[in-house]
Every structure is written in structure tokens, then in C-alpha cells.
C-alpha atoms as a PDB file:
ATOM      1  CA  MET A   1      13.766 -23.215  -8.154  1.00  0.00           C
ATOM      2  CA  ALA A   2      10.291 -21.660  -7.809  1.00  0.00           C
ATOM      3  CA  SER A   3       7.418 -24.004  -8.482  1.00  0.00           C
ATOM      4  CA  ALA A   4       5.286 -23.525 -11.572  1.00  0.00           C
ATOM      5  CA  GLU A   5       2.375 -22.843  -9.229  1.00  0.00           C
ATOM      6  CA  LEU A   6       4.213 -20.004  -7.451  1.00  0.00           C
ATOM      7  CA  ILE A   7       5.267 -18.469 -10.756  1.00  0.00           C
ATOM      8  CA  THR A   8       1.680 -18.630 -12.021  1.00  0.00           C
ATOM      9  CA  ARG A   9       0.306 -17.073  -8.841  1.00  0.00           C
ATOM     10  CA  LEU A  10       2.855 -14.261  -8.986  1.00  0.00           C
ATOM     11  CA  ASN A  11       2.175 -13.590 -12.657  1.00  0.00           C
ATOM     12  CA  GLU A  12      -1.546 -13.401 -11.893  1.00  0.00           C
ATOM     13  CA  THR A  13      -0.932 -11.026  -8.962  1.00  0.00           C
ATOM     14  CA  ILE A  14       1.750  -8.609 -10.157  1.00  0.00           C
ATOM     15  CA  GLU A  15       0.134  -5.781 -12.101  1.00  0.00           C
ATOM     16  CA  ASN A  16       1.637  -4.425 -15.311  1.00  0.00           C
ATOM     17  CA  ILE A  17       1.212  -0.667 -15.460  1.00  0.00           C
ATOM     18  CA  PRO A  18       1.989   0.704 -18.943  1.00  0.00           C
ATOM     19  CA  ASP A  19       3.801   4.012 -19.390  1.00  0.00           C
ATOM     20  CA  PHE A  20       4.707   4.433 -15.721  1.00  0.00           C
ATOM     21  CA  PRO A  21       6.655   6.311 -14.468  1.00  0.00           C
ATOM     22  CA  ILE A  22       7.410   7.523 -17.995  1.00  0.00           C
ATOM     23  CA  PRO A  23       6.115   6.599 -21.465  1.00  0.00           C
ATOM     24  CA  GLY A  24       7.538   3.325 -22.756  1.00  0.00           C
ATOM     25  CA  ILE A  25       8.105   1.754 -19.341  1.00  0.00           C
ATOM     26  CA  GLN A  26       6.071  -1.314 -18.355  1.00  0.00           C
ATOM     27  CA  PHE A  27       6.023  -0.980 -14.540  1.00  0.00           C
ATOM     28  CA  LYS A  28       5.736  -4.205 -12.537  1.00  0.00           C
ATOM     29  CA  ASP A  29       3.639  -3.360  -9.466  1.00  0.00           C
ATOM     30  CA  ILE A  30       4.436  -5.891  -6.748  1.00  0.00           C
ATOM     31  CA  SER A  31       2.228  -4.250  -4.109  1.00  0.00           C
ATOM     32  CA  PRO A  32      -0.709  -6.663  -4.662  1.00  0.00           C
ATOM     33  CA  ILE A  33       1.510  -9.459  -3.280  1.00  0.00           C
ATOM     34  CA  PHE A  34       1.182  -7.868   0.154  1.00  0.00           C
ATOM     35  CA  LEU A  35      -2.613  -8.221   0.009  1.00  0.00           C
ATOM     36  CA  ASP A  36      -2.205 -12.012   0.023  1.00  0.00           C
ATOM     37  CA  PRO A  37      -0.351 -13.185   3.170  1.00  0.00           C
ATOM     38  CA  LYS A  38      -0.082 -16.773   1.898  1.00  0.00           C
ATOM     39  CA  LEU A  39       1.478 -15.660  -1.381  1.00  0.00           C
ATOM     40  CA  TYR A  40       3.934 -13.432   0.484  1.00  0.00           C
ATOM     41  CA  GLU A  41       4.824 -16.348   2.775  1.00  0.00           C
ATOM     42  CA  ASP A  42       5.357 -18.634  -0.225  1.00  0.00           C
ATOM     43  CA  VAL A  43       7.669 -16.067  -1.856  1.00  0.00           C
ATOM     44  CA  ILE A  44       9.703 -15.835   1.353  1.00  0.00           C
ATOM     45  CA  ASP A  45       9.859 -19.640   1.615  1.00  0.00           C
ATOM     46  CA  ASP A  46      11.167 -19.837  -1.955  1.00  0.00           C
ATOM     47  CA  LEU A  47      13.826 -17.176  -1.372  1.00  0.00           C
ATOM     48  CA  VAL A  48      14.837 -18.770   1.936  1.00  0.00           C
ATOM     49  CA  ALA A  49      15.223 -22.173   0.246  1.00  0.00           C
ATOM     50  CA  PHE A  50      17.663 -20.549  -2.216  1.00  0.00           C
ATOM     51  CA  SER A  51      19.866 -19.213   0.604  1.00  0.00           C
ATOM     52  CA  LYS A  52      19.513 -21.684   3.479  1.00  0.00           C
ATOM     53  CA  GLY A  53      22.925 -22.587   4.855  1.00  0.00           C
ATOM     54  CA  LYS A  54      24.742 -20.453   2.286  1.00  0.00           C
ATOM     55  CA  VAL A  55      24.805 -16.967   3.857  1.00  0.00           C
ATOM     56  CA  ASP A  56      25.797 -15.304   7.123  1.00  0.00           C
ATOM     57  CA  ALA A  57      23.819 -12.073   6.602  1.00  0.00           C
ATOM     58  CA  VAL A  58      21.318 -10.455   4.249  1.00  0.00           C
ATOM     59  CA  CYS A  59      21.772  -6.951   2.829  1.00  0.00           C
ATOM     60  CA  GLY A  60      18.630  -5.292   1.510  1.00  0.00           C
ATOM     61  CA  VAL A  61      18.738  -2.402  -0.941  1.00  0.00           C
ATOM     62  CA  GLU A  62      16.527   0.589  -0.111  1.00  0.00           C
ATOM     63  CA  SER A  63      13.648   0.501  -0.096  1.00  0.00           C
ATOM     64  CA  ARG A  64      11.853  -2.366  -1.787  1.00  0.00           C
ATOM     65  CA  GLY A  65      14.699  -4.741  -0.985  1.00  0.00           C
ATOM     66  CA  TYR A  66      13.587  -4.447   2.632  1.00  0.00           C
ATOM     67  CA  LEU A  67      10.080  -5.786   1.879  1.00  0.00           C
ATOM     68  CA  PHE A  68      11.355  -9.330   1.429  1.00  0.00           C
ATOM     69  CA  GLY A  69      14.939  -9.047   2.706  1.00  0.00           C
ATOM     70  CA  ILE A  70      14.050  -8.611   6.370  1.00  0.00           C
ATOM     71  CA  ALA A  71      11.730 -11.625   6.294  1.00  0.00           C
ATOM     72  CA  ILE A  72      14.426 -13.702   4.547  1.00  0.00           C
ATOM     73  CA  ALA A  73      16.975 -12.786   7.232  1.00  0.00           C
ATOM     74  CA  VAL A  74      14.547 -13.571  10.056  1.00  0.00           C
ATOM     75  CA  ALA A  75      13.702 -16.964   8.536  1.00  0.00           C
ATOM     76  CA  LEU A  76      17.391 -17.743   8.054  1.00  0.00           C
ATOM     77  CA  GLU A  77      18.180 -16.476  11.568  1.00  0.00           C
ATOM     78  CA  VAL A  78      20.934 -14.180  10.268  1.00  0.00           C
ATOM     79  CA  PRO A  79      21.433 -10.414  10.567  1.00  0.00           C
ATOM     80  CA  PHE A  80      19.746  -7.981   8.183  1.00  0.00           C
ATOM     81  CA  ILE A  81      21.872  -5.017   7.057  1.00  0.00           C
ATOM     82  CA  LEU A  82      20.409  -1.877   5.519  1.00  0.00           C
ATOM     83  CA  ILE A  83      21.841  -0.446   2.315  1.00  0.00           C
ATOM     84  CA  ARG A  84      20.464   3.067   1.980  1.00  0.00           C
ATOM     85  CA  LYS A  85      20.707   6.153  -0.166  1.00  0.00           C
ATOM     86  CA  ALA A  86      23.389   8.610   0.947  1.00  0.00           C
ATOM     87  CA  GLY A  87      22.600  10.739   3.970  1.00  0.00           C
ATOM     88  CA  LYS A  88      19.954   8.433   5.465  1.00  0.00           C
ATOM     89  CA  LEU A  89      22.166   6.597   7.969  1.00  0.00           C
ATOM     90  CA  PRO A  90      24.092   8.103  10.888  1.00  0.00           C
ATOM     91  CA  PRO A  91      27.879   8.043  10.735  1.00  0.00           C
ATOM     92  CA  PRO A  92      30.167   6.284  10.483  1.00  0.00           C
ATOM     93  CA  VAL A  93      29.184   4.922   7.061  1.00  0.00           C
ATOM     94  CA  ILE A  94      30.866   3.206   4.125  1.00  0.00           C
ATOM     95  CA  SER A  95      29.829   4.632   0.725  1.00  0.00           C
ATOM     96  CA  GLU A  96      29.824   3.516  -2.890  1.00  0.00           C
ATOM     97  CA  SER A  97      28.906   5.691  -5.864  1.00  0.00           C
ATOM     98  CA  TYR A  98      27.502   4.435  -9.140  1.00  0.00           C
ATOM     99  CA  ASP A  99      26.326   5.839 -12.442  1.00  0.00           C
ATOM    100  CA  LEU A 100      22.731   6.291 -13.440  1.00  0.00           C
ATOM    101  CA  GLU A 101      21.344   6.923 -16.891  1.00  0.00           C
ATOM    102  CA  TYR A 102      21.280  10.666 -16.155  1.00  0.00           C
ATOM    103  CA  GLY A 103      23.863  11.211 -13.400  1.00  0.00           C
ATOM    104  CA  SER A 104      25.178   9.349 -10.398  1.00  0.00           C
ATOM    105  CA  ALA A 105      24.057   8.225  -6.956  1.00  0.00           C
ATOM    106  CA  VAL A 106      25.592   7.008  -3.708  1.00  0.00           C
ATOM    107  CA  ILE A 107      24.535   4.192  -1.395  1.00  0.00           C
ATOM    108  CA  GLU A 108      25.783   3.564   2.123  1.00  0.00           C
ATOM    109  CA  THR A 109      25.775   1.128   5.004  1.00  0.00           C
ATOM    110  CA  ARG A 110      26.807   1.620   8.611  1.00  0.00           C
ATOM    111  CA  GLU A 111      30.461   0.892   9.207  1.00  0.00           C
ATOM    112  CA  GLY A 112      31.025  -2.331  11.134  1.00  0.00           C
ATOM    113  CA  GLN A 113      27.679  -3.991  10.396  1.00  0.00           C
ATOM    114  CA  VAL A 114      29.081  -6.040   7.512  1.00  0.00           C
ATOM    115  CA  LYS A 115      31.805  -8.228   9.006  1.00  0.00           C
ATOM    116  CA  PRO A 116      34.971  -9.369   7.197  1.00  0.00           C
ATOM    117  CA  GLY A 117      34.613 -12.898   5.847  1.00  0.00           C
ATOM    118  CA  GLN A 118      30.809 -12.977   5.999  1.00  0.00           C
ATOM    119  CA  ARG A 119      28.943 -14.596   3.128  1.00  0.00           C
ATOM    120  CA  ILE A 120      26.357 -12.037   2.081  1.00  0.00           C
ATOM    121  CA  LEU A 121      23.063 -12.318   0.217  1.00  0.00           C
ATOM    122  CA  ILE A 122      22.116  -9.061  -1.481  1.00  0.00           C
ATOM    123  CA  HIS A 123      18.371  -8.869  -2.030  1.00  0.00           C
ATOM    124  CA  ASP A 124      16.304  -6.385  -4.016  1.00  0.00           C
ATOM    125  CA  ASP A 125      12.878  -6.587  -5.576  1.00  0.00           C
ATOM    126  CA  LEU A 126      13.981  -6.034  -9.180  1.00  0.00           C
ATOM    127  CA  LEU A 127      17.104  -6.562 -11.272  1.00  0.00           C
ATOM    128  CA  ALA A 128      17.088  -4.182 -14.223  1.00  0.00           C
ATOM    129  CA  THR A 129      20.408  -2.735 -15.449  1.00  0.00           C
ATOM    130  CA  GLY A 130      22.257  -3.966 -12.349  1.00  0.00           C
ATOM    131  CA  GLY A 131      23.909  -0.650 -11.427  1.00  0.00           C
ATOM    132  CA  THR A 132      22.513  -0.359  -7.913  1.00  0.00           C
ATOM    133  CA  THR A 133      23.080  -4.026  -7.138  1.00  0.00           C
ATOM    134  CA  GLU A 134      26.647  -3.881  -8.451  1.00  0.00           C
ATOM    135  CA  ALA A 135      27.308  -0.875  -6.190  1.00  0.00           C
ATOM    136  CA  ALA A 136      25.827  -2.773  -3.230  1.00  0.00           C
ATOM    137  CA  ALA A 137      28.171  -5.691  -3.951  1.00  0.00           C
ATOM    138  CA  LYS A 138      31.175  -3.353  -4.101  1.00  0.00           C
ATOM    139  CA  LEU A 139      30.050  -1.844  -0.792  1.00  0.00           C
ATOM    140  CA  VAL A 140      30.020  -5.326   0.768  1.00  0.00           C
ATOM    141  CA  GLU A 141      33.435  -6.209  -0.675  1.00  0.00           C
ATOM    142  CA  LYS A 142      34.964  -2.937   0.598  1.00  0.00           C
ATOM    143  CA  GLN A 143      34.276  -4.266   4.080  1.00  0.00           C
ATOM    144  CA  GLY A 144      36.019  -7.589   3.518  1.00  0.00           C
ATOM    145  CA  ALA A 145      32.885  -9.697   3.097  1.00  0.00           C
ATOM    146  CA  VAL A 146      31.999 -11.920   0.148  1.00  0.00           C
ATOM    147  CA  VAL A 147      28.849 -11.634  -1.913  1.00  0.00           C
ATOM    148  CA  SER A 148      27.784 -15.244  -2.241  1.00  0.00           C
ATOM    149  CA  GLN A 149      24.263 -14.674  -3.584  1.00  0.00           C
ATOM    150  CA  PHE A 150      21.924 -12.175  -5.197  1.00  0.00           C
ATOM    151  CA  SER A 151      18.174 -12.682  -5.097  1.00  0.00           C
ATOM    152  CA  PHE A 152      15.317 -10.782  -6.703  1.00  0.00           C
ATOM    153  CA  LEU A 153      11.604 -11.143  -7.080  1.00  0.00           C
ATOM    154  CA  ILE A 154      11.885 -10.050 -10.746  1.00  0.00           C
ATOM    155  CA  GLY A 155      14.686 -10.009 -13.305  1.00  0.00           C
ATOM    156  CA  LEU A 156      14.278  -7.997 -16.503  1.00  0.00           C
ATOM    157  CA  THR A 157      16.481 -10.068 -18.808  1.00  0.00           C
ATOM    158  CA  GLU A 158      16.519  -7.679 -21.766  1.00  0.00           C
ATOM    159  CA  LEU A 159      18.285  -5.052 -19.627  1.00  0.00           C
ATOM    160  CA  LYS A 160      21.192  -7.473 -18.996  1.00  0.00           C
ATOM    161  CA  GLY A 161      21.722  -6.615 -15.315  1.00  0.00           C
ATOM    162  CA  GLU A 162      23.075 -10.103 -14.645  1.00  0.00           C
ATOM    163  CA  GLU A 163      26.107  -9.263 -16.796  1.00  0.00           C
ATOM    164  CA  LYS A 164      27.268  -6.668 -14.225  1.00  0.00           C
ATOM    165  CA  LEU A 165      26.900  -9.186 -11.408  1.00  0.00           C
ATOM    166  CA  LYS A 166      28.701 -12.180 -12.929  1.00  0.00           C
ATOM    167  CA  LYS A 167      32.108 -10.796 -11.908  1.00  0.00           C
ATOM    168  CA  PHE A 168      31.219 -11.421  -8.250  1.00  0.00           C
ATOM    169  CA  ASN A 169      31.056 -15.202  -8.860  1.00  0.00           C
ATOM    170  CA  ALA A 170      27.856 -15.358  -6.843  1.00  0.00           C
ATOM    171  CA  GLU A 171      24.633 -17.255  -7.424  1.00  0.00           C
ATOM    172  CA  ILE A 172      21.968 -15.061  -9.031  1.00  0.00           C
ATOM    173  CA  TYR A 173      18.309 -15.914  -8.509  1.00  0.00           C
ATOM    174  CA  PRO A 174      15.292 -14.044  -9.803  1.00  0.00           C
ATOM    175  CA  ILE A 175      12.007 -15.832  -9.065  1.00  0.00           C
ATOM    176  CA  LEU A 176      10.421 -14.345 -12.203  1.00  0.00           C
ATOM    177  CA  GLU A 177      12.073 -13.315 -15.434  1.00  0.00           C
ATOM    178  CA  TYR A 178      10.571 -11.051 -18.048  1.00  0.00           C
END
């Protein structure tokens, strides 16, 4: 969906930081995108084009999912719903736990913000193993809504995160794939 020009501009802008945060990891630093308002706007336009007319709300996963997710929701004129780490939102909340490589974590959203029957876009900056995004989708489904789309700035294909998301029968869109 993204134009070759947008992909080129993003690849020229995103910085690869070797061995961060630990040796062997090739960190994709997206922060330079925010130094170029036109590039940021073009990314939002691309993500909005993917979702236009197909969603009733956008859920963004803390914290980098907010960087683009809020702008997507505003452009689509639909609500934006926060998905946060446990203990960051006031009650009442709905929670979902998920496994990490070295333990587990919990994410939450405020009860009643996701409405039954809504078509939801879940947005995050990066799809790696898919654990957090899968938990976010389960959180949405617990509230009677349907995950109709997932969008990401970057998908790391070798980590096979898409495999965990296929069971939701939703469209999956990473602008860039590495």
C-alpha cells in the first residue's frame, strides 16, 4: 500500500542502532521521523488510507503506539482508546496478561471505552513476536468488539509475529518489513 517513495524515505530516516538495548539486537530508531513533519504526515496519510471506512475506533498500545495511533484516529474521526501497562489507568479496567521471554506482563484499558460490536484497529509502532499485540486483541474481544485491523510502522518478519495475529481474521499492515 505504501508508495515506493515513502518506503525509501522511511528507510533513509529510520536509524539502525546495533547492539541496543542488548548485544545482538538491531534497534530501529523511529524518532528521526518526528524531525520531519512532512514525513510524519505522509506516514499518517498512508495508515489512514489503510483504515478509512473500515474501523469504528483505534486502540494504541503503550507507548509508541500512541505516536501514530492518536493521529490516525483524529484523521479518521473515530475515538482513540489507550491500552496501557497494568496500574497506569484508574479503575474500572479490563486486563489481559501475556507471556514475555523472561516472565509475564499485563495490559489494561478502561472498562466501557471499547464498545461491543465496534470494529477496532490496533496500532503499534513495531510488530516483533506479536505477544503484546495478541494480548491487546484479546483485550478488545473480551469487551465484545471485533479486531478488524492491525497496523504497524515496522514488521520484523523473521520473528513471525503475524502468525499470532492471523487467528483474529483481521487485516495486518506493516508499512515496512525487515
